Amino acid sequence: MSIPETQHEIHLASRPSGVPTKDNFEVAEAPVPTPGDGEILVRNDWISVDPYMRGRMRDADSYVPPFQLGEPMEGGCVGEVVVSNRPGFSEGDLVVGNLGWREYWTSDGEGVQPIDPSIAEPRHFLGILGLTGMTAWVGLTRIGELRDGETVFVSAASGAVGSAVCQIAKVRNCRVIGSAGSAEKIAWLKEEAGVDEAFNYHDTDDVSATLGELCPDGIDLYFDNVGGDHLAGAIDHLNDFGRIVCCGMISGYNDEKPKPGPANLFKLIGKRIRMQGFIVRDHQDAQEEFLQEMGRWIEDGRITWKETITEGLENAPRAFLDLFEGDKMGKALVKV
């Protein structure tokens, strides 16, 4: 295989104020790195774009370092090993890494995982069989301690994580209510994902009242991807000893000044509600169990998913911006 001398990368050109725009990104040309002793060179085929990346565009402390101006961004990726100077990796191997938003990268193998394309399409290891699916599984089983037959509310239910959460809960014989932002998404949730009830949050001025109608016996577990009025509404209707799994709060990702928290947080005390955030990378010990269960459910036809695929690395910024405009369903991927 002929390896070019230069490659394209997507850099963070400036830090956004409020909602990001295309001007916050730039397509840059850079040398293709040369792998040293004990290293591999990977050519990316697929990259993942995810809402959490908005937080890394701020120059602020978090659980992951911020993106640096003038440097390539990072994210989940699947690629092919084109040069290997490291035992355990061979040319032609497909691997998952975290150096997306570029065409080529080198690694000493740390954090790089080989994948078996005979199990599933390589891109699925960025979605339902990757950190996306594992986020849903860990959040429900480990953090939420889901029990069979419970009532579960999922916000952003048609998203990559939310749709997996809905279906895992249905596998566990739960009653599932989801929210989403379009009639098309609501139809998919009901007809394909099998949720019991779903509502378009654009069609209601009172999420709490809507939840009261759809959950007359209350909510046992709320999987939060949105925050804001969804979190407040869920607290209103959570049963005693209910749980809130805090996965994301996309409603506030673009706020320059954080909005005040829900005014009804005091209800957590009287209802003895447990509310916990989590980072899926803290649970790598669960990966084998997750893959076994998810693989079995997929094989049995109990899990389905949607993908929004964008062609071309240069269009990765557009794919990212669409996450905040409601223009995608399921997992957002870029085919490099």
Protein backbone atom coordinates (compact mmCIF):
# COMPACT_ATOMS: atom_id res chain seq x y z
CA MET A 1 0.00 0.00 0.00
CA SER A 2 1.30 3.43 -0.92
CA ILE A 3 1.30 5.83 2.02
CA PRO A 4 1.08 9.54 1.17
CA GLU A 5 3.47 12.10 2.61
CA THR A 6 0.67 14.38 3.84
CA GLN A 7 -2.79 13.97 5.31
CA HIS A 8 -5.79 16.07 6.25
CA GLU A 9 -6.81 16.80 9.83
CA ILE A 10 -9.66 18.76 11.41
CA HIS A 11 -8.34 21.35 13.87
CA LEU A 12 -10.14 23.44 16.44
CA ALA A 13 -9.61 26.94 15.02
CA SER A 14 -11.33 28.89 17.81
CA ARG A 15 -13.36 28.24 20.93
CA PRO A 16 -17.08 28.65 20.31
CA SER A 17 -19.23 31.13 22.14
CA GLY A 18 -22.61 29.50 22.50
CA VAL A 19 -23.61 27.22 19.63
CA PRO A 20 -20.53 26.16 17.59
CA THR A 21 -20.28 27.16 13.94
CA LYS A 22 -18.22 25.93 10.99
CA ASP A 23 -15.82 28.83 11.61
CA ASN A 24 -14.65 27.12 14.81
CA PHE A 25 -13.04 24.40 12.66
CA GLU A 26 -10.41 24.27 9.97
CA VAL A 27 -9.22 21.58 7.59
CA ALA A 28 -5.43 21.44 7.84
CA GLU A 29 -2.72 19.57 5.95
CA ALA A 30 -0.03 17.83 7.98
CA PRO A 31 2.68 15.21 7.45
CA VAL A 32 1.69 11.58 7.82
CA PRO A 33 3.49 10.46 10.99
CA THR A 34 6.20 7.81 10.78
CA PRO A 35 5.80 4.94 13.27
CA GLY A 36 8.78 4.35 15.50
CA ASP A 37 9.99 1.18 17.17
CA GLY A 38 7.10 -0.54 18.92
CA GLU A 39 4.49 1.59 17.13
CA ILE A 40 1.77 1.12 14.54
CA LEU A 41 0.48 3.43 11.81
CA VAL A 42 -3.29 3.40 11.32
CA ARG A 43 -5.34 4.81 8.45
CA ASN A 44 -8.78 5.86 9.66
CA ASP A 45 -11.87 4.54 7.90
CA TRP A 46 -14.58 5.79 10.28
CA ILE A 47 -14.78 8.43 12.99
CA SER A 48 -17.40 9.12 15.62
CA VAL A 49 -18.86 12.53 16.44
CA ASP A 50 -20.46 12.84 19.87
CA PRO A 51 -22.14 15.54 21.97
CA TYR A 52 -19.55 15.31 24.78
CA MET A 53 -16.99 16.84 22.41
CA ARG A 54 -18.69 20.20 22.92
CA GLY A 55 -17.35 20.26 26.48
CA ARG A 56 -13.81 19.65 25.24
CA MET A 57 -14.04 22.76 23.07
CA ARG A 58 -13.99 24.85 26.25
CA ASP A 59 -10.71 25.69 27.96
CA ALA A 60 -11.87 24.25 31.27
CA ASP A 61 -11.04 21.40 33.60
CA SER A 62 -13.05 18.24 33.04
CA TYR A 63 -12.66 14.49 33.10
CA VAL A 64 -10.83 14.74 29.75
CA PRO A 65 -8.42 17.49 28.64
CA PRO A 66 -9.79 20.25 26.39
CA PHE A 67 -9.03 20.29 22.68
CA GLN A 68 -6.10 22.57 21.89
CA LEU A 69 -6.38 25.37 19.35
CA GLY A 70 -4.59 24.64 16.11
CA GLU A 71 -4.33 20.94 16.92
CA PRO A 72 -6.31 17.98 15.56
CA MET A 73 -9.40 17.08 17.52
CA GLU A 74 -9.86 13.62 18.98
CA GLY A 75 -12.62 11.05 19.09
CA GLY A 76 -13.46 7.43 18.56
CA CYS A 77 -12.29 5.92 15.27
CA VAL A 78 -11.95 2.65 13.41
CA GLY A 79 -9.05 2.15 11.05
CA GLU A 80 -6.68 -0.29 9.40
CA VAL A 81 -3.12 -0.93 10.53
CA VAL A 82 -0.96 -0.08 7.49
CA VAL A 83 2.46 -0.38 9.18
CA SER A 84 3.23 -2.41 12.29
CA ASN A 85 6.43 -2.29 14.30
CA ARG A 86 4.68 -3.74 17.32
CA PRO A 87 4.10 -7.40 18.22
CA GLY A 88 0.43 -8.26 18.47
CA PHE A 89 -0.55 -6.02 15.55
CA SER A 90 -0.28 -6.96 11.88
CA GLU A 91 -0.77 -4.98 8.71
CA GLY A 92 -4.41 -5.25 7.70
CA ASP A 93 -5.72 -5.52 11.26
CA LEU A 94 -8.76 -3.39 12.03
CA VAL A 95 -8.61 -1.49 15.30
CA VAL A 96 -10.59 0.92 17.42
CA GLY A 97 -8.79 3.97 18.80
CA ASN A 98 -9.45 7.52 19.94
CA LEU A 99 -7.49 9.59 17.41
CA GLY A 100 -10.25 10.47 14.99
CA TRP A 101 -10.66 13.73 13.04
CA ARG A 102 -7.60 12.88 10.91
CA GLU A 103 -6.59 10.39 8.25
CA TYR A 104 -3.56 8.72 9.87
CA TRP A 105 -2.18 8.26 13.39
CA THR A 106 0.49 6.34 15.24
CA SER A 107 0.29 4.54 18.58
CA ASP A 108 2.30 2.31 20.86
CA GLY A 109 -0.84 0.19 21.21
CA GLU A 110 -2.09 1.62 24.49
CA GLY A 111 -5.86 2.02 24.37
CA VAL A 112 -6.04 0.48 20.89
CA GLN A 113 -8.29 -2.56 20.52
CA PRO A 114 -8.34 -4.99 17.59
CA ILE A 115 -11.80 -5.82 16.27
CA ASP A 116 -13.18 -8.82 14.43
CA PRO A 117 -15.06 -7.74 11.27
CA SER A 118 -16.68 -11.17 11.07
CA ILE A 119 -18.77 -10.26 14.14
CA ALA A 120 -20.19 -7.01 12.77
CA GLU A 121 -19.49 -4.17 10.39
CA PRO A 122 -16.40 -2.29 11.64
CA ARG A 123 -18.31 0.97 12.15
CA HIS A 124 -20.65 -0.75 14.62
CA PHE A 125 -17.73 -0.94 17.06
CA LEU A 126 -18.09 2.85 17.36
CA GLY A 127 -21.82 2.52 18.02
CA ILE A 128 -23.94 -0.28 19.36
CA LEU A 129 -20.93 -2.57 20.04
CA GLY A 130 -18.67 0.27 21.14
CA LEU A 131 -18.66 2.93 23.84
CA THR A 132 -22.12 4.09 22.75
CA GLY A 133 -23.80 0.76 23.43
CA MET A 134 -21.66 0.17 26.48
CA THR A 135 -22.66 3.57 27.89
CA ALA A 136 -26.31 2.52 27.72
CA TRP A 137 -25.58 -0.91 29.22
CA VAL A 138 -23.36 0.38 32.05
CA GLY A 139 -25.75 3.22 32.85
CA LEU A 140 -28.74 0.93 33.17
CA THR A 141 -27.23 -2.15 34.74
CA ARG A 142 -24.42 -0.83 36.91
CA ILE A 143 -25.42 2.73 37.75
CA GLY A 144 -29.21 2.48 37.54
CA GLU A 145 -29.39 -1.08 38.85
CA LEU A 146 -32.32 -1.74 36.53
CA ARG A 147 -34.86 -4.29 37.71
CA ASP A 148 -37.24 -6.29 35.56
CA GLY A 149 -40.67 -4.75 35.13
CA GLU A 150 -39.82 -1.17 36.13
CA THR A 151 -41.01 2.02 34.47
CA VAL A 152 -38.15 3.79 32.71
CA PHE A 153 -38.11 7.28 31.18
CA VAL A 154 -35.39 8.07 28.63
CA SER A 155 -34.74 11.57 27.29
CA ALA A 156 -33.22 12.03 23.82
CA ALA A 157 -34.52 8.51 23.30
CA SER A 158 -33.85 8.35 19.55
CA GLY A 159 -30.18 9.24 19.98
CA ALA A 160 -27.34 6.76 19.83
CA VAL A 161 -27.25 6.09 23.57
CA GLY A 162 -30.92 6.73 24.27
CA SER A 163 -32.20 4.27 21.68
CA ALA A 164 -29.96 1.54 23.10
CA VAL A 165 -31.18 2.35 26.62
CA CYS A 166 -34.81 2.01 25.52
CA GLN A 167 -34.25 -1.39 23.98
CA ILE A 168 -32.15 -2.81 26.80
CA ALA A 169 -34.92 -1.80 29.20
CA LYS A 170 -37.48 -3.54 26.97
CA VAL A 171 -35.35 -6.69 26.99
CA ARG A 172 -35.68 -6.49 30.77
CA ASN A 173 -39.49 -6.39 30.47
CA CYS A 174 -39.73 -2.75 31.53
CA ARG A 175 -42.31 -0.17 30.55
CA VAL A 176 -40.40 2.49 28.58
CA ILE A 177 -41.30 6.11 27.85
CA GLY A 178 -39.08 8.20 25.59
CA SER A 179 -38.83 11.80 24.43
CA ALA A 180 -37.51 12.98 21.08
CA GLY A 181 -37.71 16.02 18.82
CA SER A 182 -39.63 15.04 15.68
CA ALA A 183 -42.57 12.99 14.47
CA GLU A 184 -40.18 10.76 12.51
CA LYS A 185 -38.21 9.96 15.65
CA ILE A 186 -41.35 9.26 17.66
CA ALA A 187 -42.57 6.88 14.97
CA TRP A 188 -39.23 5.02 14.94
CA LEU A 189 -39.22 4.70 18.72
CA LYS A 190 -42.69 3.17 18.75
CA GLU A 191 -42.52 1.05 15.61
CA GLU A 192 -38.90 -0.12 15.61
CA ALA A 193 -37.45 0.34 19.09
CA GLY A 194 -40.64 -0.90 20.74
CA VAL A 195 -41.11 1.78 23.40
CA ASP A 196 -44.48 1.86 25.09
CA GLU A 197 -45.00 5.63 24.91
CA ALA A 198 -43.09 8.51 23.32
CA PHE A 199 -43.66 12.24 23.05
CA ASN A 200 -42.27 15.09 20.96
CA TYR A 201 -40.92 17.65 23.41
CA HIS A 202 -41.54 20.39 20.84
CA ASP A 203 -45.27 19.66 21.15
CA THR A 204 -45.53 20.27 24.89
CA ASP A 205 -45.03 23.34 27.05
CA ASP A 206 -44.94 21.22 30.19
CA VAL A 207 -42.79 18.09 30.20
CA SER A 208 -43.82 17.32 33.77
CA ALA A 209 -47.52 17.35 32.89
CA THR A 210 -46.89 15.13 29.87
CA LEU A 211 -44.99 12.64 32.01
CA GLY A 212 -47.82 12.67 34.53
CA GLU A 213 -50.22 11.60 31.79
CA LEU A 214 -47.92 8.92 30.38
CA CYS A 215 -46.70 7.57 33.72
CA PRO A 216 -49.76 7.37 35.99
CA ASP A 217 -47.92 4.93 38.29
CA GLY A 218 -44.77 7.04 38.40
CA ILE A 219 -41.21 6.49 37.15
CA ASP A 220 -38.72 4.10 38.72
CA LEU A 221 -35.62 5.06 36.71
CA TYR A 222 -34.85 8.15 34.64
CA PHE A 223 -31.96 7.96 32.14
CA ASP A 224 -31.00 11.61 31.62
CA ASN A 225 -29.42 12.74 28.37
CA VAL A 226 -30.96 16.22 28.35
CA GLY A 227 -31.20 17.88 31.78
CA GLY A 228 -33.30 21.04 32.09
CA ASP A 229 -37.07 20.63 32.02
CA HIS A 230 -36.74 16.90 31.37
CA LEU A 231 -34.82 16.41 34.60
CA ALA A 232 -37.25 18.58 36.54
CA GLY A 233 -40.24 16.73 35.09
CA ALA A 234 -38.76 13.34 35.89
CA ILE A 235 -38.09 14.36 39.51
CA ASP A 236 -41.76 15.34 39.85
CA HIS A 237 -42.88 11.83 38.91
CA LEU A 238 -40.13 9.58 40.23
CA ASN A 239 -41.35 7.06 42.77
CA ASP A 240 -39.84 6.73 46.22
CA PHE A 241 -36.33 5.29 45.99
CA GLY A 242 -36.24 6.04 42.28
CA ARG A 243 -32.93 6.48 40.48
CA ILE A 244 -31.61 9.08 38.07
CA VAL A 245 -28.75 8.04 35.79
CA CYS A 246 -26.95 11.20 34.60
CA CYS A 247 -25.37 10.43 31.23
CA GLY A 248 -25.52 13.84 29.55
CA MET A 249 -27.29 17.19 29.65
CA ILE A 250 -27.26 18.35 26.04
CA SER A 251 -29.79 21.12 26.71
CA GLY A 252 -27.03 23.08 28.44
CA TYR A 253 -23.93 22.19 26.43
CA ASN A 254 -23.94 25.47 24.51
CA ASP A 255 -24.83 27.74 27.43
CA GLU A 256 -22.17 30.33 28.15
CA LYS A 257 -23.49 30.72 31.69
CA PRO A 258 -24.95 27.64 33.39
CA LYS A 259 -28.66 27.86 34.04
CA PRO A 260 -29.91 27.32 37.60
CA GLY A 261 -30.64 23.72 38.50
CA PRO A 262 -34.20 22.39 38.75
CA ALA A 263 -36.20 24.18 41.44
CA ASN A 264 -37.61 20.86 42.67
CA LEU A 265 -34.32 19.22 43.69
CA PHE A 266 -35.60 19.21 47.27
CA LYS A 267 -37.86 16.31 46.24
CA LEU A 268 -34.80 14.07 46.07
CA ILE A 269 -34.77 14.09 49.86
CA GLY A 270 -38.35 13.20 50.62
CA LYS A 271 -38.52 10.62 47.84
CA ARG A 272 -35.09 9.22 48.77
CA ILE A 273 -34.04 9.45 45.11
CA ARG A 274 -30.51 8.46 44.11
CA MET A 275 -28.94 10.59 41.36
CA GLN A 276 -25.57 9.57 39.95
CA GLY A 277 -23.37 10.56 37.03
CA PHE A 278 -20.89 8.21 35.39
CA ILE A 279 -18.14 7.96 32.79
CA VAL A 280 -18.21 4.74 30.79
CA ARG A 281 -14.41 4.53 30.56
CA ASP A 282 -14.37 3.87 34.32
CA HIS A 283 -16.02 0.51 33.62
CA GLN A 284 -13.69 -1.18 31.16
CA ASP A 285 -13.79 -4.30 33.34
CA ALA A 286 -17.37 -4.81 32.14
CA GLN A 287 -16.55 -4.81 28.43
CA GLU A 288 -16.51 -8.57 27.91
CA GLU A 289 -19.82 -9.04 29.73
CA PHE A 290 -21.35 -6.17 27.75
CA LEU A 291 -20.21 -7.61 24.41
CA GLN A 292 -21.57 -11.04 25.25
CA GLU A 293 -24.99 -9.73 26.26
CA MET A 294 -25.32 -7.16 23.49
CA GLY A 295 -24.09 -9.63 20.88
CA ARG A 296 -26.71 -12.15 21.99
CA TRP A 297 -29.50 -9.57 21.90
CA ILE A 298 -28.49 -8.43 18.41
CA GLU A 299 -28.33 -12.02 17.18
CA ASP A 300 -31.80 -12.63 18.62
CA GLY A 301 -33.15 -9.56 16.80
CA ARG A 302 -34.01 -7.76 20.03
CA ILE A 303 -31.83 -4.69 19.38
CA THR A 304 -31.95 -2.41 16.36
CA TRP A 305 -30.33 0.95 15.69
CA LYS A 306 -30.12 3.89 13.34
CA GLU A 307 -27.05 5.61 11.95
CA THR A 308 -26.51 8.98 10.34
CA ILE A 309 -23.48 8.70 8.05
CA THR A 310 -21.61 11.68 6.61
CA GLU A 311 -19.17 11.15 3.77
CA GLY A 312 -15.72 12.78 3.84
CA LEU A 313 -13.45 13.90 6.66
CA GLU A 314 -13.85 17.52 5.56
CA ASN A 315 -17.54 17.27 6.45
CA ALA A 316 -16.94 16.10 10.02
CA PRO A 317 -17.62 19.60 11.44
CA ARG A 318 -21.03 19.62 9.74
CA ALA A 319 -21.81 16.20 11.19
CA PHE A 320 -20.90 17.50 14.63
CA LEU A 321 -23.00 20.66 14.31
CA ASP A 322 -26.00 18.57 13.26
CA LEU A 323 -25.95 16.94 16.70
CA PHE A 324 -27.30 20.19 18.13
CA GLU A 325 -29.81 20.90 15.37
CA GLY A 326 -31.87 17.73 15.58
CA ASP A 327 -30.97 16.66 12.04
CA LYS A 328 -29.78 13.16 12.82
CA MET A 329 -31.05 9.89 14.22
CA GLY A 330 -29.04 7.36 16.13
CA LYS A 331 -25.27 7.19 15.93
CA ALA A 332 -23.49 9.94 13.99
CA LEU A 333 -20.52 8.66 11.98
CA VAL A 334 -18.16 10.06 9.36
CA LYS A 335 -16.79 7.82 6.61
CA VAL A 336 -13.28 9.13 6.10
